[in-house]
Amino acid sequence: MAKITILGCGYGTALGVLYTKYGHEVTTWTKFEEEAQTLRTEREHKRLLPGVKLPEELKVTTDPKCVSDADIIVVCIPSKFYREAICAVKPYVNPGTVVVNASKGLEEATGKRLSEIIREELPQNRVAVITGPCHAEEISRFMPTTEVCSAYEPDTEYYLQKTLSNECYRIYINDDIIGCELGGVLKNPIALSCGIARGMGLGDNTIAAIMTRGMTEITRLGVALGANWKTFTGMAGIGDLIVTCTSEHSRNYRAGLLIGQGMPAADAVAKVGTVEGYINAKTAYRLAKEHSVDTPIIEQVVKICYEGAYPKSSIGALMGRATKHERETFWTD
């Protein structure tokens, strides 16, 4: 069993419930005292995980020193505040602690993956990523879930696999940390677009088309950024894409529904909460342009969210593109 500190009390609370059930000593950290006090007293995250009772053994704190004796730190912080959170605990992190990114975003200013931020701020620590199709609402209720782990340093992913896997949470290994991390990031604007289409009243044919061609864009951009295309056929790619594009547990999908029904994008995001597809669409599109990669779906998400484009016009722009062959070079490499 391990001592685990989780940064973030959203998805982090769900992981805390899971890890505590299987014998780990878990502390969750938030910088908000009101949130911490509510979780300590009510033993329930009523907004995100209604009906899920927090184990008495699960600790909640605002003290950044809570990381000092951790074997594993799991970071579940939205990309917008990610570096800030790492820097808050940085003075207290033991060099022997494994630090795991479990968030799915990019740093807007730099375009860096979140594990790269950890490595910059905590260069002495081993760093890994755990990602895949995983809703907090289900993992906190111990529904069977599979994810994938990748790490920069040899054997770290095997340590995490052995330590964190249990009868309802199965971890696979992948040596492509770039692809694993980008799969979780780039599926978000695709899920947002699926929600928009559904909100417009469009059907399963349209959703299937967006998901399939969206996966092409994810793979195309991922390969340009250094990933192995095969990674996107697994948990971090198609697995995460399916769960995020088809479930109302997904904040990206829910925000898209509202946008497709006519709500301005900023208002939809404010109503739903953190929507990484909205936050990271611009960053992903900027990276695509920098690497001369064609990402028409992500481009239309940016136009709808930030340039006032009408979803109906975006569908027309996608359907009116020049015809082409489906298969691309990376499928045969």
Protein backbone atom coordinates (compact mmCIF):
# COMPACT_ATOMS: atom_id res chain seq x y z
CA MET A 1 0.00 0.00 0.00
CA ALA A 2 1.12 3.56 -0.69
CA LYS A 3 0.82 7.05 0.73
CA ILE A 4 -0.90 9.06 -1.99
CA THR A 5 -1.53 12.79 -2.16
CA ILE A 6 -4.00 13.99 -4.80
CA LEU A 7 -3.90 17.60 -5.94
CA GLY A 8 -7.43 18.71 -6.79
CA CYS A 9 -10.77 17.78 -5.25
CA GLY A 10 -12.88 17.35 -8.39
CA TYR A 11 -11.83 14.21 -10.26
CA GLY A 12 -9.29 13.89 -7.49
CA THR A 13 -12.06 13.17 -4.99
CA ALA A 14 -13.24 10.23 -7.10
CA LEU A 15 -9.72 8.83 -7.23
CA GLY A 16 -9.40 9.38 -3.49
CA VAL A 17 -12.52 7.30 -2.86
CA LEU A 18 -11.16 4.52 -5.10
CA TYR A 19 -7.64 4.46 -3.69
CA THR A 20 -8.88 4.58 -0.09
CA LYS A 21 -11.20 1.63 -0.64
CA TYR A 22 -8.24 -0.47 -1.71
CA GLY A 23 -6.11 0.27 1.31
CA HIS A 24 -3.99 3.26 0.38
CA GLU A 25 -3.44 6.16 2.75
CA VAL A 26 -4.87 9.09 0.78
CA THR A 27 -4.93 12.85 1.25
CA THR A 28 -6.64 15.21 -1.20
CA TRP A 29 -5.49 18.82 -1.46
CA THR A 30 -7.32 21.96 -2.52
CA LYS A 31 -6.29 25.58 -2.17
CA PHE A 32 -9.86 26.52 -1.22
CA GLU A 33 -10.54 26.29 2.51
CA GLU A 34 -14.31 26.46 2.05
CA GLU A 35 -14.23 23.46 -0.30
CA ALA A 36 -12.00 21.52 2.07
CA GLN A 37 -14.20 22.25 5.07
CA THR A 38 -17.35 21.24 3.22
CA LEU A 39 -15.83 17.92 2.16
CA ARG A 40 -14.54 17.24 5.67
CA THR A 41 -17.86 17.92 7.35
CA GLU A 42 -20.40 16.65 4.81
CA ARG A 43 -18.23 13.74 3.54
CA GLU A 44 -19.75 14.22 0.09
CA HIS A 45 -18.96 16.25 -3.02
CA LYS A 46 -22.57 17.18 -3.66
CA ARG A 47 -21.97 19.10 -6.88
CA LEU A 48 -19.74 16.61 -8.70
CA LEU A 49 -20.39 13.27 -6.97
CA PRO A 50 -23.84 13.42 -5.37
CA GLY A 51 -24.63 10.34 -3.34
CA VAL A 52 -21.01 9.20 -3.06
CA LYS A 53 -19.95 9.13 0.60
CA LEU A 54 -16.30 9.88 1.26
CA PRO A 55 -14.56 7.32 3.47
CA GLU A 56 -13.66 8.63 6.91
CA GLU A 57 -10.06 7.62 6.22
CA LEU A 58 -9.86 9.99 3.21
CA LYS A 59 -8.20 13.22 4.36
CA VAL A 60 -8.85 16.67 2.89
CA THR A 61 -6.46 19.58 3.44
CA THR A 62 -5.34 22.97 2.17
CA ASP A 63 -1.82 22.55 3.56
CA PRO A 64 0.71 22.18 0.71
CA LYS A 65 3.05 20.35 3.08
CA CYS A 66 0.75 17.34 2.70
CA VAL A 67 2.92 16.17 -0.20
CA SER A 68 6.05 15.87 1.92
CA ASP A 69 5.71 12.19 2.85
CA ALA A 70 3.84 10.94 -0.22
CA ASP A 71 5.01 7.96 -2.23
CA ILE A 72 2.84 9.12 -5.14
CA ILE A 73 1.41 12.54 -6.01
CA VAL A 74 -1.49 12.49 -8.48
CA VAL A 75 -2.23 15.85 -10.10
CA CYS A 76 -5.89 16.45 -11.04
CA ILE A 77 -5.84 20.21 -11.65
CA PRO A 78 -7.38 22.01 -14.66
CA SER A 79 -4.76 23.10 -17.19
CA LYS A 80 -5.43 26.80 -16.53
CA PHE A 81 -4.21 26.46 -12.93
CA TYR A 82 -1.82 23.53 -13.34
CA ARG A 83 1.57 25.21 -13.02
CA GLU A 84 0.28 27.34 -10.13
CA ALA A 85 -0.67 24.20 -8.20
CA ILE A 86 2.64 22.46 -8.88
CA CYS A 87 4.52 25.55 -7.72
CA ALA A 88 2.42 25.75 -4.54
CA VAL A 89 3.59 22.33 -3.36
CA LYS A 90 7.01 22.37 -5.02
CA PRO A 91 9.02 23.30 -1.90
CA TYR A 92 7.68 20.26 -0.02
CA VAL A 93 7.95 17.50 -2.63
CA ASN A 94 10.37 14.71 -1.72
CA PRO A 95 12.77 13.80 -4.57
CA GLY A 96 11.79 10.15 -4.24
CA THR A 97 8.08 10.78 -4.88
CA VAL A 98 6.52 9.70 -8.17
CA VAL A 99 4.42 12.50 -9.66
CA VAL A 100 1.54 11.50 -11.95
CA ASN A 101 -0.42 13.71 -14.31
CA ALA A 102 -4.08 12.65 -14.41
CA SER A 103 -5.39 15.85 -16.04
CA LYS A 104 -6.10 16.26 -19.76
CA GLY A 105 -5.06 19.61 -21.10
CA LEU A 106 -2.33 21.84 -22.49
CA GLU A 107 -0.75 24.94 -21.01
CA GLU A 108 -2.28 27.72 -23.08
CA ALA A 109 0.69 30.10 -23.09
CA THR A 110 3.30 27.52 -24.07
CA GLY A 111 1.35 24.65 -25.67
CA LYS A 112 3.21 22.25 -23.38
CA ARG A 113 1.77 18.99 -22.16
CA LEU A 114 1.06 18.95 -18.44
CA SER A 115 3.67 16.32 -17.65
CA GLU A 116 6.23 18.65 -19.22
CA ILE A 117 5.25 21.28 -16.65
CA ILE A 118 5.86 18.76 -13.86
CA ARG A 119 9.29 17.95 -15.26
CA GLU A 120 10.19 21.62 -15.51
CA GLU A 121 9.12 22.42 -11.96
CA LEU A 122 10.16 19.11 -10.34
CA PRO A 123 13.17 17.92 -12.36
CA GLN A 124 14.35 15.60 -9.58
CA ASN A 125 11.17 13.49 -9.58
CA ARG A 126 10.01 10.57 -11.64
CA VAL A 127 7.04 11.62 -13.77
CA ALA A 128 4.23 9.60 -15.33
CA VAL A 129 0.83 9.97 -16.99
CA ILE A 130 -2.32 7.95 -16.32
CA THR A 131 -5.09 8.52 -18.83
CA GLY A 132 -7.96 6.85 -20.66
CA PRO A 133 -11.75 6.47 -20.58
CA CYS A 134 -12.61 7.35 -17.00
CA HIS A 135 -15.58 9.31 -15.64
CA ALA A 136 -15.33 10.43 -12.02
CA GLU A 137 -19.01 9.60 -11.50
CA GLU A 138 -18.36 5.93 -12.34
CA ILE A 139 -14.94 5.36 -10.84
CA SER A 140 -16.19 6.67 -7.47
CA ARG A 141 -18.89 3.99 -7.62
CA PHE A 142 -16.32 1.26 -8.38
CA MET A 143 -17.55 0.49 -11.89
CA PRO A 144 -14.98 -1.51 -13.90
CA THR A 145 -12.56 0.94 -15.51
CA THR A 146 -9.39 0.60 -17.58
CA GLU A 147 -6.70 3.21 -18.14
CA VAL A 148 -3.17 3.37 -19.50
CA CYS A 149 0.04 4.50 -17.82
CA SER A 150 3.20 5.85 -19.41
CA ALA A 151 6.32 7.31 -17.81
CA TYR A 152 9.54 9.08 -18.69
CA GLU A 153 11.75 6.91 -16.50
CA PRO A 154 12.14 3.12 -16.88
CA ASP A 155 9.97 0.90 -14.67
CA THR A 156 7.94 3.78 -13.19
CA GLU A 157 4.83 2.77 -15.10
CA TYR A 158 5.18 -0.81 -13.83
CA TYR A 159 5.40 0.45 -10.25
CA LEU A 160 2.22 2.45 -10.72
CA GLN A 161 0.47 -0.43 -12.48
CA LYS A 162 1.27 -2.82 -9.65
CA THR A 163 0.48 -0.31 -6.89
CA LEU A 164 -2.78 1.21 -8.18
CA SER A 165 -4.49 -1.60 -10.11
CA ASN A 166 -7.28 -3.44 -8.35
CA GLU A 167 -10.34 -5.55 -9.08
CA CYS A 168 -12.32 -2.64 -10.56
CA TYR A 169 -9.47 -0.47 -11.89
CA ARG A 170 -7.11 -2.03 -14.43
CA ILE A 171 -4.01 -0.20 -15.71
CA TYR A 172 -2.26 -1.02 -18.98
CA ILE A 173 1.27 0.07 -19.93
CA ASN A 174 2.35 2.11 -22.97
CA ASP A 175 5.83 3.47 -23.70
CA ASP A 176 4.54 6.44 -25.73
CA ILE A 177 4.01 9.18 -23.15
CA ILE A 178 3.50 11.87 -25.80
CA GLY A 179 0.71 9.92 -27.49
CA CYS A 180 -0.92 8.91 -24.21
CA GLU A 181 -1.07 12.49 -23.02
CA LEU A 182 -2.14 14.02 -26.34
CA GLY A 183 -4.93 11.48 -26.81
CA GLY A 184 -6.57 12.70 -23.61
CA VAL A 185 -6.14 16.33 -24.67
CA LEU A 186 -7.17 16.31 -28.31
CA LYS A 187 -10.33 14.28 -27.87
CA ASN A 188 -11.85 17.14 -25.86
CA PRO A 189 -12.60 19.56 -28.73
CA ILE A 190 -13.90 16.59 -30.74
CA ALA A 191 -16.27 15.73 -27.88
CA LEU A 192 -17.34 19.36 -27.72
CA SER A 193 -18.18 19.21 -31.43
CA CYS A 194 -20.19 16.00 -30.94
CA GLY A 195 -22.22 17.73 -28.24
CA ILE A 196 -22.80 20.69 -30.56
CA ALA A 197 -24.05 18.39 -33.32
CA ARG A 198 -26.38 16.55 -30.94
CA GLY A 199 -27.65 19.85 -29.57
CA MET A 200 -28.49 20.89 -33.13
CA GLY A 201 -30.68 17.81 -33.39
CA LEU A 202 -28.33 15.93 -35.72
CA GLY A 203 -28.24 12.16 -35.61
CA ASP A 204 -25.99 9.16 -35.10
CA ASN A 205 -24.56 9.33 -38.62
CA THR A 206 -23.21 12.80 -37.91
CA ILE A 207 -21.78 11.84 -34.52
CA ALA A 208 -20.06 8.78 -35.99
CA ALA A 209 -18.57 10.93 -38.75
CA ILE A 210 -17.25 13.52 -36.30
CA MET A 211 -15.74 10.86 -34.04
CA THR A 212 -14.10 8.99 -36.91
CA ARG A 213 -12.70 12.02 -38.69
CA GLY A 214 -11.89 13.52 -35.30
CA MET A 215 -9.70 10.54 -34.55
CA THR A 216 -7.92 11.18 -37.83
CA GLU A 217 -7.20 14.74 -36.71
CA ILE A 218 -6.02 13.55 -33.29
CA THR A 219 -3.67 11.05 -34.89
CA ARG A 220 -2.46 13.47 -37.55
CA LEU A 221 -1.56 16.16 -35.02
CA GLY A 222 -0.31 13.69 -32.43
CA VAL A 223 2.16 12.15 -34.88
CA ALA A 224 3.38 15.63 -35.88
CA LEU A 225 4.06 16.31 -32.19
CA GLY A 226 6.06 13.11 -31.73
CA ALA A 227 3.49 10.43 -30.85
CA ASN A 228 3.22 6.88 -32.19
CA TRP A 229 0.01 6.56 -34.22
CA LYS A 230 -0.69 3.13 -32.71
CA THR A 231 -1.28 4.71 -29.30
CA PHE A 232 -4.45 6.33 -30.62
CA THR A 233 -5.99 2.92 -31.32
CA GLY A 234 -5.96 2.17 -27.58
CA MET A 235 -7.20 3.49 -24.24
CA ALA A 236 -5.70 6.97 -24.60
CA GLY A 237 -7.11 7.36 -28.10
CA ILE A 238 -10.26 5.65 -29.28
CA GLY A 239 -11.19 4.56 -25.75
CA ASP A 240 -11.17 8.06 -24.31
CA LEU A 241 -12.75 9.48 -27.46
CA ILE A 242 -15.75 7.14 -27.24
CA VAL A 243 -16.50 7.81 -23.59
CA THR A 244 -16.12 11.58 -23.91
CA CYS A 245 -18.09 11.96 -27.15
CA THR A 246 -21.11 9.90 -26.11
CA SER A 247 -21.78 10.49 -22.42
CA GLU A 248 -23.52 13.26 -20.54
CA HIS A 249 -21.00 12.68 -17.75
CA SER A 250 -18.62 14.51 -20.11
CA ARG A 251 -18.48 18.26 -19.48
CA ASN A 252 -17.20 18.77 -23.03
CA TYR A 253 -20.22 16.96 -24.45
CA ARG A 254 -22.65 18.76 -22.13
CA ALA A 255 -21.26 22.18 -22.99
CA GLY A 256 -21.50 21.28 -26.67
CA LEU A 257 -25.16 20.34 -26.25
CA LEU A 258 -25.91 23.80 -24.89
CA ILE A 259 -23.97 25.51 -27.66
CA GLY A 260 -25.76 23.44 -30.29
CA GLN A 261 -29.07 24.49 -28.74
CA GLY A 262 -28.15 28.15 -29.21
CA MET A 263 -26.38 29.18 -26.00
CA PRO A 264 -23.22 31.30 -26.50
CA ALA A 265 -20.11 29.22 -25.92
CA ALA A 266 -18.80 31.26 -23.00
CA ASP A 267 -22.16 31.01 -21.25
CA ALA A 268 -22.31 27.25 -21.81
CA VAL A 269 -18.87 26.80 -20.30
CA ALA A 270 -19.77 28.99 -17.33
CA LYS A 271 -22.85 26.83 -16.73
CA VAL A 272 -21.05 23.47 -17.02
CA GLY A 273 -17.74 24.27 -15.31
CA THR A 274 -14.25 23.34 -16.47
CA VAL A 275 -14.44 22.42 -20.17
CA GLU A 276 -10.95 21.56 -21.40
CA GLY A 277 -12.14 21.25 -25.01
CA TYR A 278 -13.12 24.90 -24.95
CA ILE A 279 -9.92 25.96 -23.20
CA ASN A 280 -7.55 23.87 -25.32
CA ALA A 281 -9.16 24.08 -28.77
CA LYS A 282 -7.30 27.31 -29.53
CA THR A 283 -4.01 25.87 -28.30
CA ALA A 284 -4.44 22.67 -30.32
CA TYR A 285 -5.34 24.64 -33.43
CA ARG A 286 -2.30 26.90 -32.94
CA LEU A 287 -0.05 23.84 -32.69
CA ALA A 288 -1.67 22.37 -35.80
CA LYS A 289 -0.95 25.52 -37.79
CA GLU A 290 2.62 25.65 -36.49
CA HIS A 291 3.18 22.09 -37.72
CA SER A 292 1.19 22.50 -40.98
CA VAL A 293 -1.37 19.90 -39.90
CA ASP A 294 -4.93 19.97 -41.23
CA THR A 295 -7.50 19.86 -38.38
CA PRO A 296 -10.80 21.08 -39.86
CA ILE A 297 -13.05 19.94 -36.99
CA ILE A 298 -10.89 21.59 -34.35
CA GLU A 299 -10.76 24.68 -36.57
CA GLN A 300 -14.56 24.89 -36.64
CA VAL A 301 -14.75 24.45 -32.85
CA VAL A 302 -12.47 27.47 -32.53
CA LYS A 303 -14.63 29.46 -34.95
CA ILE A 304 -17.82 28.61 -33.04
CA CYS A 305 -16.36 29.19 -29.58
CA TYR A 306 -14.30 32.31 -30.22
CA GLU A 307 -15.30 33.87 -33.54
CA GLY A 308 -19.07 33.75 -33.35
CA ALA A 309 -19.56 31.22 -36.16
CA TYR A 310 -22.95 29.50 -36.32
CA PRO A 311 -22.83 25.71 -35.85
CA LYS A 312 -24.95 25.22 -38.98
CA SER A 313 -22.37 27.14 -41.02
CA SER A 314 -19.57 25.03 -39.54
CA ILE A 315 -21.33 21.81 -40.54
CA GLY A 316 -21.66 23.21 -44.05
CA ALA A 317 -17.96 24.13 -44.12
CA LEU A 318 -16.96 20.61 -43.11
CA MET A 319 -19.31 18.86 -45.52
CA GLY A 320 -18.29 21.16 -48.38
CA ARG A 321 -14.56 20.41 -48.19
CA ALA A 322 -12.81 18.94 -51.21
CA THR A 323 -13.19 15.17 -51.47
CA LYS A 324 -10.17 13.04 -50.64
CA HIS A 325 -8.89 9.54 -49.91
CA GLU A 326 -9.64 8.28 -46.39
CA ARG A 327 -6.42 6.38 -45.69
CA GLU A 328 -3.36 8.39 -44.68
CA THR A 329 0.33 7.68 -44.56
CA PHE A 330 0.57 7.13 -40.81
CA TRP A 331 -1.79 4.14 -41.03
CA THR A 332 0.82 2.18 -42.98
CA ASP A 333 4.02 3.32 -41.25
